[in-house]
Structures are given as C-alpha cells and as structure tokens.
Amino acid sequence: MVARVLRESKRPILAKPSVTSLAFFSQLKWIDGRPSIKTIEPYRRDIFTRALDTYGPDGVPSHNLVLAGRAKKNWKSADLILAALYCLIIRESPQGNDCILLANDEGQAADDLSLAKKIIAVNPDLKAEVQILAKEIRRRDHHGTMRILPAGNALGQHGKTSLFVGFDEIHGYRDWDLLEALQPDPSRPDAICWITSYDSIWDIDGCPLHDLTGQPKRWVSLGPINRRVARADKRDVRGDGVGPDRPDRFARPPCGIL
C-alpha cells in the first residue's frame, strides 16, 4: 500500500531514498483504475530509474535535468507528473519539497496539475498525505507543494527555489529567459529540472530545445554544479533520434541537465 511506501521513505536528509520511483509507482493506480506500473513501458521505466534513482557516493542525485523528447500523446506529461509526485511525496529536502509546473501558458500547466489531482483522487493513501487546492497540491505536513506558475513573465520568476521544476512542451520557447530564471538553486544539490517536448518550431541557435538536442552525451559546466548530459528519450524528437554535433557550449546557459 502507498501508506507503507510512504513510511519506508523516511530517511536522513540527502540519503538515498529507500523507496525507488518504480516501487512508488507500483503502489499507485492510474486514473482509470489500472495499476500504474502496468502503464509504464520499459523505456520509460529506464528513464525514471536513471533520472530519479541514480545517486553518487555522497548521496546526491547524479542528474539534475531530464530532457524527455517524444511525439505527441506519448506520456510526456504523465511522466512529468509522476516524477513530480515522487519528488513531492518521497524525496525529503531540508529546504522543502516544493514542485513547480510550467507550460506554454497557465492553462496548459493547469491541465498538468489536474492530471496530478486525478491520480491522487484514485489513490486514497496518497490523498491522505496531501490537501487539494485550486492551484496547488499541498503536503499535510506543510513540507512541500506542487503548484503552477505562469510562463509568460520570466523576470517575475527569478529567485524562486524548488526541489522539482517541470517544463511541459518547450517547443515554443524562443529564448532561455524562463529556464534561466528557474534554474536549479546551486545550494540544492538534490534539485531536478524535467523538460518535455516534441521538436521545436524554432530550430536555430539560442532556442532552448535546439540547443539542448544538439548536445551529445558529455560533461558540461553548469556553474557550481557539474552533471552528465544524457537525453532521456529522443527517438521521436528529430525522427532519427540523433542530433547534430555542436560545440560544447550553449548560446545561453542551460538550467542544468540529466
């Protein structure tokens, strides 16, 4: 049961969780009543394992950005929400388990939050852990919230900190302003940024998705944080799953990377 999984997740701060993402999902029902884990294909399970369950010897997560590129209607938003729920409920951070959701507009982000609410509604043990509000989901112990932010005002987002920030469908983003504003807090080594999208209509240098998909798997400098670049799934982003080899730099600094 979810209640047992929640109890088992308690641990020292920044220690590797005793409950993995797949163990958590295996205790959940999907919105139609099916076991959630049975809706997750093997390649998506691998993404969750690498993104959420891979830690260094110091107990710090190995990755801080996921770029999940797929065609339409391939569980991109669902995976983002499942990852956000895992970070909200299972991971524990000394600065709180706040999770932020953004999309091309506030309405699309609200749809993502609505999906999270539907998942919670069919899982009574999970529902007992949170309060459902209009624009956020709040842990009853007040140690974290999942909320939506408007994507139109990049300047207004500077200074916010969170354990998880999810950008759903960035194909319309023409610059790095919003991703820079919400880049992982360097004082939070457990923070993660999760990006989903299909291919961008702005395929030029300086546009986030173009710059990100052009990076091969390599080490890049992310200011005070260095992490390995590893695209989660790109089979449907550019058709052949292979991006062009570009210089080891970004036109503008990224928000961090899986």
Protein backbone atom coordinates (compact mmCIF):
# COMPACT_ATOMS: atom_id res chain seq x y z
CA MET A 1 0.00 0.00 0.00
CA VAL A 2 1.04 3.60 -0.56
CA ALA A 3 0.94 4.25 3.21
CA ARG A 4 3.61 1.60 3.76
CA VAL A 5 5.74 3.03 0.95
CA LEU A 6 5.42 6.50 2.48
CA ARG A 7 6.56 5.25 5.87
CA GLU A 8 9.51 3.42 4.37
CA SER A 9 10.62 6.57 2.52
CA LYS A 10 11.61 8.43 5.72
CA ARG A 11 15.37 8.75 5.89
CA PRO A 12 18.21 11.17 6.72
CA ILE A 13 18.37 14.30 4.55
CA LEU A 14 20.21 13.71 1.22
CA ALA A 15 20.49 9.99 1.89
CA LYS A 16 19.44 7.78 -1.00
CA PRO A 17 15.69 7.07 -0.70
CA SER A 18 14.77 3.59 0.44
CA VAL A 19 11.79 3.70 -1.93
CA THR A 20 12.61 3.92 -5.65
CA SER A 21 10.44 5.66 -8.17
CA LEU A 22 9.23 2.39 -9.70
CA ALA A 23 8.45 0.96 -6.25
CA PHE A 24 6.36 4.06 -5.56
CA PHE A 25 4.54 3.86 -8.91
CA SER A 26 3.87 0.15 -8.41
CA GLN A 27 1.74 1.07 -5.40
CA LEU A 28 -0.34 3.60 -7.33
CA LYS A 29 -3.39 3.20 -9.54
CA TRP A 30 -3.65 5.04 -12.83
CA ILE A 31 -6.66 7.33 -13.30
CA ASP A 32 -8.66 4.52 -14.93
CA GLY A 33 -8.04 2.14 -12.04
CA ARG A 34 -5.28 0.07 -13.67
CA PRO A 35 -2.06 -0.50 -11.73
CA SER A 36 0.09 2.48 -12.66
CA ILE A 37 3.23 0.42 -13.20
CA LYS A 38 1.50 -1.59 -15.94
CA THR A 39 1.04 1.58 -17.99
CA ILE A 40 4.79 2.35 -17.97
CA GLU A 41 6.71 0.79 -20.85
CA PRO A 42 10.28 -0.49 -20.31
CA TYR A 43 11.96 2.52 -21.93
CA ARG A 44 10.01 4.87 -19.65
CA ARG A 45 10.94 2.78 -16.59
CA ASP A 46 14.57 3.16 -17.59
CA ILE A 47 14.14 6.95 -17.77
CA PHE A 48 12.65 7.06 -14.27
CA THR A 49 15.40 4.84 -12.86
CA ARG A 50 18.20 6.91 -14.36
CA ALA A 51 16.60 10.24 -13.54
CA LEU A 52 15.25 9.63 -10.03
CA ASP A 53 17.07 6.62 -8.59
CA THR A 54 20.71 7.16 -9.58
CA TYR A 55 22.90 8.63 -6.83
CA GLY A 56 26.55 9.35 -6.28
CA PRO A 57 28.52 8.04 -3.29
CA ASP A 58 27.76 11.30 -1.44
CA GLY A 59 24.02 10.63 -1.63
CA VAL A 60 23.47 13.43 -4.17
CA PRO A 61 21.37 12.61 -7.27
CA SER A 62 23.53 12.03 -10.33
CA HIS A 63 21.30 14.03 -12.67
CA ASN A 64 19.60 17.37 -12.35
CA LEU A 65 17.92 17.75 -15.74
CA VAL A 66 15.77 15.41 -17.82
CA LEU A 67 15.05 16.17 -21.47
CA ALA A 68 12.22 13.83 -22.50
CA GLY A 69 11.57 14.37 -26.19
CA ARG A 70 8.82 12.37 -27.88
CA ALA A 71 6.00 12.75 -30.37
CA LYS A 72 2.51 13.81 -29.29
CA LYS A 73 0.44 11.59 -26.99
CA ASN A 74 3.36 9.51 -25.76
CA TRP A 75 3.03 10.00 -21.98
CA LYS A 76 5.33 13.03 -21.77
CA SER A 77 3.09 14.99 -19.42
CA ALA A 78 2.15 11.87 -17.48
CA ASP A 79 5.81 11.08 -16.83
CA LEU A 80 6.47 14.66 -15.74
CA ILE A 81 3.59 14.48 -13.24
CA LEU A 82 4.60 11.06 -11.91
CA ALA A 83 8.14 12.35 -11.37
CA ALA A 84 6.79 15.46 -9.63
CA LEU A 85 4.62 13.35 -7.31
CA TYR A 86 7.61 11.20 -6.42
CA CYS A 87 9.67 14.29 -5.56
CA LEU A 88 6.80 15.86 -3.64
CA ILE A 89 5.97 12.79 -1.54
CA ILE A 90 9.00 10.51 -1.32
CA ARG A 91 12.12 12.65 -1.50
CA GLU A 92 12.90 14.83 1.51
CA SER A 93 14.81 18.08 1.19
CA PRO A 94 15.86 20.43 4.01
CA GLN A 95 14.52 23.38 2.01
CA GLY A 96 11.17 21.75 1.36
CA ASN A 97 9.70 19.56 -1.35
CA ASP A 98 8.18 22.30 -3.47
CA CYS A 99 7.44 21.36 -7.08
CA ILE A 100 6.72 23.89 -9.83
CA LEU A 101 4.88 23.17 -13.10
CA LEU A 102 5.06 25.38 -16.20
CA ALA A 103 3.94 25.04 -19.79
CA ASN A 104 3.38 27.28 -22.80
CA ASP A 105 0.60 29.00 -20.90
CA GLU A 106 -1.04 28.80 -17.49
CA GLY A 107 -3.99 26.83 -18.85
CA GLN A 108 -1.75 24.05 -20.11
CA ALA A 109 0.09 23.95 -16.78
CA ALA A 110 -3.31 23.76 -15.05
CA ASP A 111 -4.08 20.66 -17.15
CA ASP A 112 -0.91 19.05 -15.77
CA LEU A 113 -1.95 19.88 -12.22
CA SER A 114 -5.41 18.48 -12.96
CA LEU A 115 -3.82 15.19 -14.01
CA ALA A 116 -1.95 15.05 -10.70
CA LYS A 117 -5.23 15.64 -8.85
CA LYS A 118 -6.90 12.80 -10.78
CA ILE A 119 -4.09 10.42 -9.86
CA ILE A 120 -4.41 11.41 -6.21
CA ALA A 121 -8.21 11.01 -6.32
CA VAL A 122 -7.97 7.28 -7.17
CA ASN A 123 -5.27 6.60 -4.55
CA PRO A 124 -6.76 7.06 -1.05
CA ASP A 125 -3.45 6.56 0.77
CA LEU A 126 -1.85 9.24 -1.36
CA LYS A 127 -4.85 11.52 -0.89
CA ALA A 128 -4.43 11.24 2.87
CA GLU A 129 -0.97 12.81 2.57
CA VAL A 130 -1.99 15.98 0.72
CA GLN A 131 -4.52 18.78 0.53
CA ILE A 132 -6.05 19.61 -2.85
CA LEU A 133 -6.38 23.34 -3.57
CA ALA A 134 -7.34 25.27 -6.70
CA LYS A 135 -3.82 25.95 -7.99
CA GLU A 136 -1.68 23.70 -5.85
CA ILE A 137 -1.38 20.38 -4.06
CA ARG A 138 -0.02 20.79 -0.53
CA ARG A 139 1.51 18.20 1.76
CA ARG A 140 -0.38 18.00 5.04
CA ASP A 141 2.86 18.33 6.97
CA HIS A 142 3.48 21.62 5.10
CA HIS A 143 6.84 20.40 3.83
CA GLY A 144 6.07 20.93 0.16
CA THR A 145 3.58 21.97 -2.51
CA MET A 146 3.02 21.26 -6.19
CA ARG A 147 1.87 24.42 -7.92
CA ILE A 148 1.63 26.03 -11.33
CA LEU A 149 3.29 29.24 -12.46
CA PRO A 150 2.53 31.45 -15.47
CA ALA A 151 5.17 31.03 -18.16
CA GLY A 152 4.77 34.48 -19.67
CA ASN A 153 6.69 36.53 -17.10
CA ALA A 154 10.30 35.36 -16.92
CA LEU A 155 11.51 38.30 -14.87
CA GLY A 156 8.89 37.63 -12.21
CA GLN A 157 10.14 34.06 -11.66
CA HIS A 158 13.70 34.93 -10.55
CA GLY A 159 14.57 33.97 -7.00
CA LYS A 160 12.13 31.08 -6.67
CA THR A 161 13.55 27.82 -5.39
CA SER A 162 12.12 24.32 -5.64
CA LEU A 163 13.05 20.66 -5.43
CA PHE A 164 11.43 19.93 -8.80
CA VAL A 165 10.59 22.21 -11.71
CA GLY A 166 8.78 20.77 -14.71
CA PHE A 167 8.54 22.45 -18.11
CA ASP A 168 5.87 20.82 -20.27
CA GLU A 169 6.21 21.38 -24.03
CA ILE A 170 9.01 23.90 -24.54
CA HIS A 171 8.86 23.71 -28.35
CA GLY A 172 7.51 27.27 -28.40
CA TYR A 173 10.26 28.77 -26.23
CA ARG A 174 12.42 31.16 -28.27
CA ASP A 175 14.98 32.03 -25.60
CA TRP A 176 16.45 30.84 -22.30
CA ASP A 177 14.91 33.57 -20.13
CA LEU A 178 12.39 31.42 -18.27
CA LEU A 179 14.69 28.42 -17.88
CA GLU A 180 17.44 30.68 -16.56
CA ALA A 181 15.02 32.30 -14.11
CA LEU A 182 14.08 28.89 -12.67
CA GLN A 183 17.41 27.11 -12.95
CA PRO A 184 18.22 24.76 -10.04
CA ASP A 185 19.37 26.51 -6.90
CA PRO A 186 23.13 25.81 -6.57
CA SER A 187 22.62 25.41 -2.82
CA ARG A 188 20.24 22.50 -3.52
CA PRO A 189 22.19 19.54 -4.94
CA ASP A 190 19.01 17.44 -4.92
CA ALA A 191 17.05 19.78 -7.22
CA ILE A 192 15.92 18.45 -10.60
CA CYS A 193 14.53 20.09 -13.74
CA TRP A 194 12.30 17.96 -16.01
CA ILE A 195 11.63 19.14 -19.58
CA THR A 196 9.24 17.55 -22.08
CA SER A 197 8.59 18.47 -25.69
CA TYR A 198 8.28 17.38 -29.26
CA ASP A 199 10.50 19.07 -31.83
CA SER A 200 10.77 22.85 -31.76
CA ILE A 201 9.45 25.12 -34.49
CA TRP A 202 12.39 27.41 -33.62
CA ASP A 203 15.31 25.32 -34.89
CA ILE A 204 18.01 27.97 -34.54
CA ASP A 205 20.89 28.62 -32.16
CA GLY A 206 19.74 30.26 -28.95
CA CYS A 207 16.39 28.48 -28.76
CA PRO A 208 16.42 26.10 -25.77
CA LEU A 209 15.22 22.90 -27.42
CA HIS A 210 17.51 23.36 -30.41
CA ASP A 211 20.50 23.94 -28.12
CA LEU A 212 19.65 21.03 -25.81
CA THR A 213 19.01 18.44 -28.52
CA GLY A 214 22.23 19.47 -30.24
CA GLN A 215 24.34 18.39 -27.28
CA PRO A 216 25.93 14.92 -27.40
CA LYS A 217 26.41 12.98 -24.16
CA ARG A 218 29.25 14.81 -22.50
CA TRP A 219 30.25 16.72 -19.39
CA VAL A 220 29.29 20.39 -19.43
CA SER A 221 29.92 23.14 -16.93
CA LEU A 222 26.81 24.25 -15.09
CA GLY A 223 28.34 26.85 -12.83
CA PRO A 224 28.69 25.35 -9.33
CA ILE A 225 27.11 22.07 -10.46
CA ASN A 226 28.59 19.65 -12.98
CA ARG A 227 26.41 16.82 -14.21
CA ARG A 228 26.45 14.32 -17.05
CA VAL A 229 24.33 15.16 -20.09
CA ALA A 230 22.06 12.28 -21.07
CA ARG A 231 18.94 12.71 -23.15
CA ALA A 232 16.13 10.64 -21.73
CA ASP A 233 14.45 9.60 -24.98
CA LYS A 234 14.85 11.27 -28.37
CA ARG A 235 13.56 8.71 -30.81
CA ASP A 236 10.72 10.95 -31.99
CA VAL A 237 12.15 14.43 -31.50
CA ARG A 238 14.02 14.67 -34.79
CA GLY A 239 12.90 11.48 -36.46
CA ASP A 240 16.14 9.50 -36.33
CA GLY A 241 16.92 10.19 -32.67
CA VAL A 242 20.31 11.69 -33.47
CA GLY A 243 21.02 15.37 -33.02
CA PRO A 244 23.76 17.30 -34.84
CA ASP A 245 27.12 17.53 -33.13
CA ARG A 246 27.57 21.08 -31.89
CA PRO A 247 30.24 22.94 -29.95
CA ASP A 248 30.47 22.14 -26.25
CA ARG A 249 28.68 25.29 -25.21
CA PHE A 250 25.19 26.73 -25.15
CA ALA A 251 24.13 30.03 -26.66
CA ARG A 252 22.77 30.72 -23.20
CA PRO A 253 23.45 28.67 -20.09
CA PRO A 254 21.02 25.80 -19.53
CA CYS A 255 19.13 25.22 -16.33
CA GLY A 256 21.02 22.06 -15.54
CA ILE A 257 20.97 18.60 -17.15
CA LEU A 258 20.15 14.76 -16.79
